[in-house]
Amino acid sequence: MTQTNSPQTTLPEDIQAMSFEEAMEELRRIVDSMERGDAKLDQAIAAYERGAHLRAHCEAKLKDAKMKIEQISLGSDGTPRLESLDPEE
């Protein structure tokens, strides 16, 4: 199943406010807990859904960071210019 709308508009506000590192840490805790089988079924389902939101948030943060990365190069006339590192551009 693919998500067609922007993850930032459908994520809970507390997740939207998280840094990449905070979201990754919570996602690690959720995965660890699920791997240990610590939760009952209802709790595991809720944790899975939250984990999916955290993953979407992390992916969006990484995509934003990738778009901001630029490389300085020299033009044919020797003047510096900025180029995106994104090969799709």
PDB file of N, CA and C in Angstrom:
ATOM      1  N   MET A   1       0.842  -1.180   0.000  1.00  0.00           N
ATOM      2  CA  MET A   1       0.000   0.000   0.000  1.00  0.00           C
ATOM      3  C   MET A   1       0.883   1.238   0.000  1.00  0.00           C
ATOM      4  N   THR A   2       0.636   2.174  -0.892  1.00  0.00           N
ATOM      5  CA  THR A   2       1.406   3.407  -0.957  1.00  0.00           C
ATOM      6  C   THR A   2       0.593   4.554  -0.398  1.00  0.00           C
ATOM      7  N   GLN A   3       1.295   5.463   0.228  1.00  0.00           N
ATOM      8  CA  GLN A   3       0.644   6.631   0.803  1.00  0.00           C
ATOM      9  C   GLN A   3       0.768   7.766  -0.193  1.00  0.00           C
ATOM     10  N   THR A   4      -0.379   8.296  -0.629  1.00  0.00           N
ATOM     11  CA  THR A   4      -0.357   9.321  -1.666  1.00  0.00           C
ATOM     12  C   THR A   4      -0.309  10.736  -1.107  1.00  0.00           C
ATOM     13  N   ASN A   5      -0.752  10.936   0.118  1.00  0.00           N
ATOM     14  CA  ASN A   5      -0.705  12.286   0.671  1.00  0.00           C
ATOM     15  C   ASN A   5       0.586  12.485   1.447  1.00  0.00           C
ATOM     16  N   SER A   6       0.925  13.746   1.677  1.00  0.00           N
ATOM     17  CA  SER A   6       2.170  14.088   2.357  1.00  0.00           C
ATOM     18  C   SER A   6       2.175  13.551   3.774  1.00  0.00           C
ATOM     19  N   PRO A   7       3.253  12.849   4.182  1.00  0.00           N
ATOM     20  CA  PRO A   7       3.307  12.309   5.531  1.00  0.00           C
ATOM     21  C   PRO A   7       3.221  13.393   6.595  1.00  0.00           C
ATOM     22  N   GLN A   8       3.749  14.585   6.319  1.00  0.00           N
ATOM     23  CA  GLN A   8       3.736  15.646   7.316  1.00  0.00           C
ATOM     24  C   GLN A   8       2.320  16.128   7.620  1.00  0.00           C
ATOM     25  N   THR A   9       1.374  15.948   6.727  1.00  0.00           N
ATOM     26  CA  THR A   9       0.021  16.409   6.990  1.00  0.00           C
ATOM     27  C   THR A   9      -0.813  15.351   7.698  1.00  0.00           C
ATOM     28  N   THR A  10      -0.385  14.101   7.707  1.00  0.00           N
ATOM     29  CA  THR A  10      -1.167  13.046   8.319  1.00  0.00           C
ATOM     30  C   THR A  10      -0.552  12.513   9.599  1.00  0.00           C
ATOM     31  N   LEU A  11       0.634  12.973   9.958  1.00  0.00           N
ATOM     32  CA  LEU A  11       1.306  12.488  11.150  1.00  0.00           C
ATOM     33  C   LEU A  11       0.779  13.180  12.393  1.00  0.00           C
ATOM     34  N   PRO A  12       0.781  12.468  13.529  1.00  0.00           N
ATOM     35  CA  PRO A  12       0.424  13.122  14.788  1.00  0.00           C
ATOM     36  C   PRO A  12       1.364  14.307  15.051  1.00  0.00           C
ATOM     37  N   GLU A  13       0.837  15.335  15.700  1.00  0.00           N
ATOM     38  CA  GLU A  13       1.618  16.550  15.929  1.00  0.00           C
ATOM     39  C   GLU A  13       2.882  16.298  16.736  1.00  0.00           C
ATOM     40  N   ASP A  14       2.812  15.368  17.710  1.00  0.00           N
ATOM     41  CA  ASP A  14       4.004  15.119  18.519  1.00  0.00           C
ATOM     42  C   ASP A  14       5.120  14.515  17.678  1.00  0.00           C
ATOM     43  N   ILE A  15       4.773  13.724  16.680  1.00  0.00           N
ATOM     44  CA  ILE A  15       5.796  13.158  15.796  1.00  0.00           C
ATOM     45  C   ILE A  15       6.326  14.229  14.850  1.00  0.00           C
ATOM     46  N   GLN A  16       5.470  15.078  14.328  1.00  0.00           N
ATOM     47  CA  GLN A  16       5.908  16.155  13.441  1.00  0.00           C
ATOM     48  C   GLN A  16       6.920  17.069  14.128  1.00  0.00           C
ATOM     49  N   ALA A  17       6.790  17.228  15.437  1.00  0.00           N
ATOM     50  CA  ALA A  17       7.676  18.120  16.184  1.00  0.00           C
ATOM     51  C   ALA A  17       9.019  17.473  16.520  1.00  0.00           C
ATOM     52  N   MET A  18       9.170  16.172  16.275  1.00  0.00           N
ATOM     53  CA  MET A  18      10.393  15.455  16.632  1.00  0.00           C
ATOM     54  C   MET A  18      11.517  15.730  15.638  1.00  0.00           C
ATOM     55  N   SER A  19      12.727  15.695  16.179  1.00  0.00           N
ATOM     56  CA  SER A  19      13.897  15.712  15.306  1.00  0.00           C
ATOM     57  C   SER A  19      14.053  14.312  14.713  1.00  0.00           C
ATOM     58  N   PHE A  20      14.893  14.201  13.714  1.00  0.00           N
ATOM     59  CA  PHE A  20      15.171  12.896  13.110  1.00  0.00           C
ATOM     60  C   PHE A  20      15.689  11.927  14.172  1.00  0.00           C
ATOM     61  N   GLU A  21      16.616  12.396  14.997  1.00  0.00           N
ATOM     62  CA  GLU A  21      17.229  11.541  16.007  1.00  0.00           C
ATOM     63  C   GLU A  21      16.214  11.073  17.052  1.00  0.00           C
ATOM     64  N   GLU A  22      15.329  11.961  17.470  1.00  0.00           N
ATOM     65  CA  GLU A  22      14.297  11.579  18.442  1.00  0.00           C
ATOM     66  C   GLU A  22      13.362  10.516  17.862  1.00  0.00           C
ATOM     67  N   ALA A  23      12.960  10.721  16.621  1.00  0.00           N
ATOM     68  CA  ALA A  23      12.057   9.771  15.979  1.00  0.00           C
ATOM     69  C   ALA A  23      12.730   8.414  15.800  1.00  0.00           C
ATOM     70  N   MET A  24      13.994   8.409  15.398  1.00  0.00           N
ATOM     71  CA  MET A  24      14.719   7.146  15.232  1.00  0.00           C
ATOM     72  C   MET A  24      14.849   6.411  16.559  1.00  0.00           C
ATOM     73  N   GLU A  25      15.124   7.133  17.631  1.00  0.00           N
ATOM     74  CA  GLU A  25      15.263   6.496  18.946  1.00  0.00           C
ATOM     75  C   GLU A  25      13.944   5.865  19.379  1.00  0.00           C
ATOM     76  N   GLU A  26      12.847   6.568  19.209  1.00  0.00           N
ATOM     77  CA  GLU A  26      11.557   5.988  19.575  1.00  0.00           C
ATOM     78  C   GLU A  26      11.238   4.790  18.689  1.00  0.00           C
ATOM     79  N   LEU A  27      11.548   4.885  17.424  1.00  0.00           N
ATOM     80  CA  LEU A  27      11.321   3.765  16.510  1.00  0.00           C
ATOM     81  C   LEU A  27      12.139   2.551  16.936  1.00  0.00           C
ATOM     82  N   ARG A  28      13.380   2.762  17.352  1.00  0.00           N
ATOM     83  CA  ARG A  28      14.210   1.647  17.847  1.00  0.00           C
ATOM     84  C   ARG A  28      13.580   1.000  19.077  1.00  0.00           C
ATOM     85  N   ARG A  29      13.066   1.826  19.984  1.00  0.00           N
ATOM     86  CA  ARG A  29      12.427   1.277  21.195  1.00  0.00           C
ATOM     87  C   ARG A  29      11.202   0.445  20.835  1.00  0.00           C
ATOM     88  N   ILE A  30      10.422   0.937  19.890  1.00  0.00           N
ATOM     89  CA  ILE A  30       9.222   0.199  19.455  1.00  0.00           C
ATOM     90  C   ILE A  30       9.612  -1.137  18.836  1.00  0.00           C
ATOM     91  N   VAL A  31      10.604  -1.116  17.959  1.00  0.00           N
ATOM     92  CA  VAL A  31      11.043  -2.353  17.302  1.00  0.00           C
ATOM     93  C   VAL A  31      11.572  -3.336  18.340  1.00  0.00           C
ATOM     94  N   ASP A  32      12.393  -2.867  19.267  1.00  0.00           N
ATOM     95  CA  ASP A  32      12.922  -3.740  20.322  1.00  0.00           C
ATOM     96  C   ASP A  32      11.808  -4.374  21.130  1.00  0.00           C
ATOM     97  N   SER A  33      10.824  -3.572  21.514  1.00  0.00           N
ATOM     98  CA  SER A  33       9.703  -4.063  22.305  1.00  0.00           C
ATOM     99  C   SER A  33       8.897  -5.102  21.528  1.00  0.00           C
ATOM    100  N   MET A  34       8.664  -4.826  20.257  1.00  0.00           N
ATOM    101  CA  MET A  34       7.896  -5.768  19.436  1.00  0.00           C
ATOM    102  C   MET A  34       8.672  -7.069  19.224  1.00  0.00           C
ATOM    103  N   GLU A  35       9.978  -6.971  19.051  1.00  0.00           N
ATOM    104  CA  GLU A  35      10.789  -8.174  18.874  1.00  0.00           C
ATOM    105  C   GLU A  35      10.796  -9.039  20.127  1.00  0.00           C
ATOM    106  N   ARG A  36      10.740  -8.411  21.294  1.00  0.00           N
ATOM    107  CA  ARG A  36      10.687  -9.154  22.557  1.00  0.00           C
ATOM    108  C   ARG A  36       9.302  -9.715  22.828  1.00  0.00           C
ATOM    109  N   GLY A  37       8.281  -9.193  22.140  1.00  0.00           N
ATOM    110  CA  GLY A  37       6.910  -9.644  22.367  1.00  0.00           C
ATOM    111  C   GLY A  37       6.343  -9.132  23.678  1.00  0.00           C
ATOM    112  N   ASP A  38       6.764  -7.933  24.084  1.00  0.00           N
ATOM    113  CA  ASP A  38       6.347  -7.359  25.364  1.00  0.00           C
ATOM    114  C   ASP A  38       4.887  -6.923  25.399  1.00  0.00           C
ATOM    115  N   ALA A  39       4.294  -6.644  24.256  1.00  0.00           N
ATOM    116  CA  ALA A  39       2.966  -6.024  24.234  1.00  0.00           C
ATOM    117  C   ALA A  39       1.883  -7.033  23.879  1.00  0.00           C
ATOM    118  N   LYS A  40       0.684  -6.726  24.358  1.00  0.00           N
ATOM    119  CA  LYS A  40      -0.485  -7.493  23.947  1.00  0.00           C
ATOM    120  C   LYS A  40      -0.842  -7.076  22.527  1.00  0.00           C
ATOM    121  N   LEU A  41      -1.732  -7.812  21.889  1.00  0.00           N
ATOM    122  CA  LEU A  41      -2.056  -7.589  20.488  1.00  0.00           C
ATOM    123  C   LEU A  41      -2.477  -6.146  20.212  1.00  0.00           C
ATOM    124  N   ASP A  42      -3.405  -5.601  20.999  1.00  0.00           N
ATOM    125  CA  ASP A  42      -3.859  -4.221  20.780  1.00  0.00           C
ATOM    126  C   ASP A  42      -2.707  -3.230  20.895  1.00  0.00           C
ATOM    127  N   GLN A  43      -1.853  -3.452  21.884  1.00  0.00           N
ATOM    128  CA  GLN A  43      -0.704  -2.569  22.074  1.00  0.00           C
ATOM    129  C   GLN A  43       0.288  -2.715  20.924  1.00  0.00           C
ATOM    130  N   ALA A  44       0.471  -3.932  20.450  1.00  0.00           N
ATOM    131  CA  ALA A  44       1.390  -4.172  19.340  1.00  0.00           C
ATOM    132  C   ALA A  44       0.890  -3.490  18.062  1.00  0.00           C
ATOM    133  N   ILE A  45      -0.420  -3.540  17.837  1.00  0.00           N
ATOM    134  CA  ILE A  45      -0.989  -2.882  16.654  1.00  0.00           C
ATOM    135  C   ILE A  45      -0.797  -1.373  16.738  1.00  0.00           C
ATOM    136  N   ALA A  46      -1.067  -0.795  17.899  1.00  0.00           N
ATOM    137  CA  ALA A  46      -0.880   0.651  18.090  1.00  0.00           C
ATOM    138  C   ALA A  46       0.591   1.026  17.931  1.00  0.00           C
ATOM    139  N   ALA A  47       1.482   0.194  18.458  1.00  0.00           N
ATOM    140  CA  ALA A  47       2.917   0.461  18.334  1.00  0.00           C
ATOM    141  C   ALA A  47       3.350   0.377  16.874  1.00  0.00           C
ATOM    142  N   TYR A  48       2.808  -0.594  16.148  1.00  0.00           N
ATOM    143  CA  TYR A  48       3.134  -0.736  14.724  1.00  0.00           C
ATOM    144  C   TYR A  48       2.693   0.508  13.953  1.00  0.00           C
ATOM    145  N   GLU A  49       1.483   0.994  14.232  1.00  0.00           N
ATOM    146  CA  GLU A  49       0.979   2.195  13.556  1.00  0.00           C
ATOM    147  C   GLU A  49       1.838   3.412  13.882  1.00  0.00           C
ATOM    148  N   ARG A  50       2.222   3.542  15.152  1.00  0.00           N
ATOM    149  CA  ARG A  50       3.087   4.665  15.540  1.00  0.00           C
ATOM    150  C   ARG A  50       4.451   4.524  14.861  1.00  0.00           C
ATOM    151  N   GLY A  51       4.944   3.307  14.803  1.00  0.00           N
ATOM    152  CA  GLY A  51       6.218   3.060  14.129  1.00  0.00           C
ATOM    153  C   GLY A  51       6.159   3.440  12.659  1.00  0.00           C
ATOM    154  N   ALA A  52       5.040   3.155  12.016  1.00  0.00           N
ATOM    155  CA  ALA A  52       4.879   3.530  10.608  1.00  0.00           C
ATOM    156  C   ALA A  52       4.905   5.050  10.453  1.00  0.00           C
ATOM    157  N   HIS A  53       4.285   5.762  11.384  1.00  0.00           N
ATOM    158  CA  HIS A  53       4.318   7.228  11.349  1.00  0.00           C
ATOM    159  C   HIS A  53       5.737   7.741  11.578  1.00  0.00           C
ATOM    160  N   LEU A  54       6.436   7.120  12.538  1.00  0.00           N
ATOM    161  CA  LEU A  54       7.812   7.539  12.817  1.00  0.00           C
ATOM    162  C   LEU A  54       8.710   7.298  11.604  1.00  0.00           C
ATOM    163  N   ARG A  55       8.530   6.168  10.944  1.00  0.00           N
ATOM    164  CA  ARG A  55       9.311   5.853   9.751  1.00  0.00           C
ATOM    165  C   ARG A  55       9.042   6.880   8.650  1.00  0.00           C
ATOM    166  N   ALA A  56       7.777   7.219   8.444  1.00  0.00           N
ATOM    167  CA  ALA A  56       7.422   8.213   7.422  1.00  0.00           C
ATOM    168  C   ALA A  56       8.050   9.568   7.757  1.00  0.00           C
ATOM    169  N   HIS A  57       8.044   9.921   9.026  1.00  0.00           N
ATOM    170  CA  HIS A  57       8.636  11.187   9.455  1.00  0.00           C
ATOM    171  C   HIS A  57      10.141  11.188   9.186  1.00  0.00           C
ATOM    172  N   CYS A  58      10.809  10.080   9.521  1.00  0.00           N
ATOM    173  CA  CYS A  58      12.252   9.981   9.290  1.00  0.00           C
ATOM    174  C   CYS A  58      12.567  10.051   7.801  1.00  0.00           C
ATOM    175  N   GLU A  59      11.785   9.371   6.987  1.00  0.00           N
ATOM    176  CA  GLU A  59      11.997   9.418   5.540  1.00  0.00           C
ATOM    177  C   GLU A  59      11.829  10.839   5.009  1.00  0.00           C
ATOM    178  N   ALA A  60      10.833  11.552   5.516  1.00  0.00           N
ATOM    179  CA  ALA A  60      10.607  12.931   5.075  1.00  0.00           C
ATOM    180  C   ALA A  60      11.770  13.827   5.498  1.00  0.00           C
ATOM    181  N   LYS A  61      12.266  13.631   6.710  1.00  0.00           N
ATOM    182  CA  LYS A  61      13.409  14.419   7.191  1.00  0.00           C
ATOM    183  C   LYS A  61      14.636  14.154   6.327  1.00  0.00           C
ATOM    184  N   LEU A  62      14.881  12.890   5.988  1.00  0.00           N
ATOM    185  CA  LEU A  62      16.022  12.553   5.142  1.00  0.00           C
ATOM    186  C   LEU A  62      15.877  13.147   3.741  1.00  0.00           C
ATOM    187  N   LYS A  63      14.670  13.095   3.206  1.00  0.00           N
ATOM    188  CA  LYS A  63      14.434  13.663   1.877  1.00  0.00           C
ATOM    189  C   LYS A  63      14.678  15.168   1.889  1.00  0.00           C
ATOM    190  N   ASP A  64      14.194  15.845   2.943  1.00  0.00           N
ATOM    191  CA  ASP A  64      14.427  17.283   3.059  1.00  0.00           C
ATOM    192  C   ASP A  64      15.924  17.594   3.136  1.00  0.00           C
ATOM    193  N   ALA A  65      16.645  16.805   3.930  1.00  0.00           N
ATOM    194  CA  ALA A  65      18.082  17.029   4.071  1.00  0.00           C
ATOM    195  C   ALA A  65      18.796  16.807   2.748  1.00  0.00           C
ATOM    196  N   LYS A  66      18.408  15.767   2.035  1.00  0.00           N
ATOM    197  CA  LYS A  66      19.023  15.469   0.743  1.00  0.00           C
ATOM    198  C   LYS A  66      18.828  16.621  -0.235  1.00  0.00           C
ATOM    199  N   MET A  67      17.640  17.206  -0.221  1.00  0.00           N
ATOM    200  CA  MET A  67      17.348  18.309  -1.132  1.00  0.00           C
ATOM    201  C   MET A  67      18.167  19.550  -0.803  1.00  0.00           C
ATOM    202  N   LYS A  68      18.601  19.686   0.446  1.00  0.00           N
ATOM    203  CA  LYS A  68      19.357  20.872   0.858  1.00  0.00           C
ATOM    204  C   LYS A  68      20.848  20.750   0.573  1.00  0.00           C
ATOM    205  N   ILE A  69      21.287  19.530   0.307  1.00  0.00           N
ATOM    206  CA  ILE A  69      22.719  19.335   0.075  1.00  0.00           C
ATOM    207  C   ILE A  69      23.077  19.859  -1.309  1.00  0.00           C
ATOM    208  N   GLU A  70      24.045  20.715  -1.316  1.00  0.00           N
ATOM    209  CA  GLU A  70      24.506  21.275  -2.586  1.00  0.00           C
ATOM    210  C   GLU A  70      26.020  21.140  -2.660  1.00  0.00           C
ATOM    211  N   GLN A  71      26.521  21.079  -3.839  1.00  0.00           N
ATOM    212  CA  GLN A  71      27.947  20.951  -4.072  1.00  0.00           C
ATOM    213  C   GLN A  71      28.441  22.202  -4.778  1.00  0.00           C
ATOM    214  N   ILE A  72      29.549  22.714  -4.308  1.00  0.00           N
ATOM    215  CA  ILE A  72      30.163  23.865  -4.978  1.00  0.00           C
ATOM    216  C   ILE A  72      31.101  23.330  -6.041  1.00  0.00           C
ATOM    217  N   SER A  73      30.949  23.831  -7.242  1.00  0.00           N
ATOM    218  CA  SER A  73      31.830  23.424  -8.339  1.00  0.00           C
ATOM    219  C   SER A  73      32.268  24.668  -9.100  1.00  0.00           C
ATOM    220  N   LEU A  74      33.228  24.497  -9.965  1.00  0.00           N
ATOM    221  CA  LEU A  74      33.699  25.611 -10.791  1.00  0.00           C
ATOM    222  C   LEU A  74      33.129  25.470 -12.186  1.00  0.00           C
ATOM    223  N   GLY A  75      32.616  26.571 -12.693  1.00  0.00           N
ATOM    224  CA  GLY A  75      32.110  26.604 -14.054  1.00  0.00           C
ATOM    225  C   GLY A  75      33.263  26.618 -15.045  1.00  0.00           C
ATOM    226  N   SER A  76      32.952  26.529 -16.309  1.00  0.00           N
ATOM    227  CA  SER A  76      33.991  26.508 -17.358  1.00  0.00           C
ATOM    228  C   SER A  76      34.812  27.800 -17.373  1.00  0.00           C
ATOM    229  N   ASP A  77      34.209  28.887 -16.858  1.00  0.00           N
ATOM    230  CA  ASP A  77      34.941  30.153 -16.800  1.00  0.00           C
ATOM    231  C   ASP A  77      35.684  30.342 -15.483  1.00  0.00           C
ATOM    232  N   GLY A  78      35.641  29.305 -14.589  1.00  0.00           N
ATOM    233  CA  GLY A  78      36.367  29.364 -13.328  1.00  0.00           C
ATOM    234  C   GLY A  78      35.597  29.978 -12.176  1.00  0.00           C
ATOM    235  N   THR A  79      34.355  30.404 -12.406  1.00  0.00           N
ATOM    236  CA  THR A  79      33.564  30.980 -11.325  1.00  0.00           C
ATOM    237  C   THR A  79      32.845  29.870 -10.545  1.00  0.00           C
ATOM    238  N   PRO A  80      32.763  30.035  -9.220  1.00  0.00           N
ATOM    239  CA  PRO A  80      32.082  29.012  -8.420  1.00  0.00           C
ATOM    240  C   PRO A  80      30.573  29.045  -8.643  1.00  0.00           C
ATOM    241  N   ARG A  81      29.955  27.892  -8.561  1.00  0.00           N
ATOM    242  CA  ARG A  81      28.497  27.800  -8.664  1.00  0.00           C
ATOM    243  C   ARG A  81      28.029  26.648  -7.783  1.00  0.00           C
ATOM    244  N   LEU A  82      26.751  26.670  -7.439  1.00  0.00           N
ATOM    245  CA  LEU A  82      26.163  25.622  -6.616  1.00  0.00           C
ATOM    246  C   LEU A  82      25.441  24.628  -7.502  1.00  0.00           C
ATOM    247  N   GLU A  83      25.653  23.349  -7.235  1.00  0.00           N
ATOM    248  CA  GLU A  83      24.945  22.295  -7.950  1.00  0.00           C
ATOM    249  C   GLU A  83      24.313  21.365  -6.928  1.00  0.00           C
ATOM    250  N   SER A  84      23.131  20.935  -7.223  1.00  0.00           N
ATOM    251  CA  SER A  84      22.472  19.965  -6.371  1.00  0.00           C
ATOM    252  C   SER A  84      23.151  18.624  -6.533  1.00  0.00           C
ATOM    253  N   LEU A  85      23.251  17.870  -5.442  1.00  0.00           N
ATOM    254  CA  LEU A  85      23.792  16.523  -5.510  1.00  0.00           C
ATOM    255  C   LEU A  85      22.727  15.520  -5.907  1.00  0.00           C
ATOM    256  N   ASP A  86      21.505  15.974  -6.042  1.00  0.00           N
ATOM    257  CA  ASP A  86      20.404  15.082  -6.387  1.00  0.00           C
ATOM    258  C   ASP A  86      20.492  14.733  -7.866  1.00  0.00           C
ATOM    259  N   PRO A  87      20.755  13.449  -8.204  1.00  0.00           N
ATOM    260  CA  PRO A  87      20.892  13.075  -9.611  1.00  0.00           C
ATOM    261  C   PRO A  87      19.596  13.173 -10.398  1.00  0.00           C
ATOM    262  N   GLU A  88      18.445  13.294  -9.720  1.00  0.00           N
ATOM    263  CA  GLU A  88      17.169  13.378 -10.400  1.00  0.00           C
ATOM    264  C   GLU A  88      16.866  14.765 -10.894  1.00  0.00           C
ATOM    265  N   GLU A  89      17.657  15.745 -10.492  1.00  0.00           N
ATOM    266  CA  GLU A  89      17.400  17.132 -10.906  1.00  0.00           C
ATOM    267  C   GLU A  89      18.105  17.451 -12.181  1.00  0.00           C
TER     268      GLU A  89
END
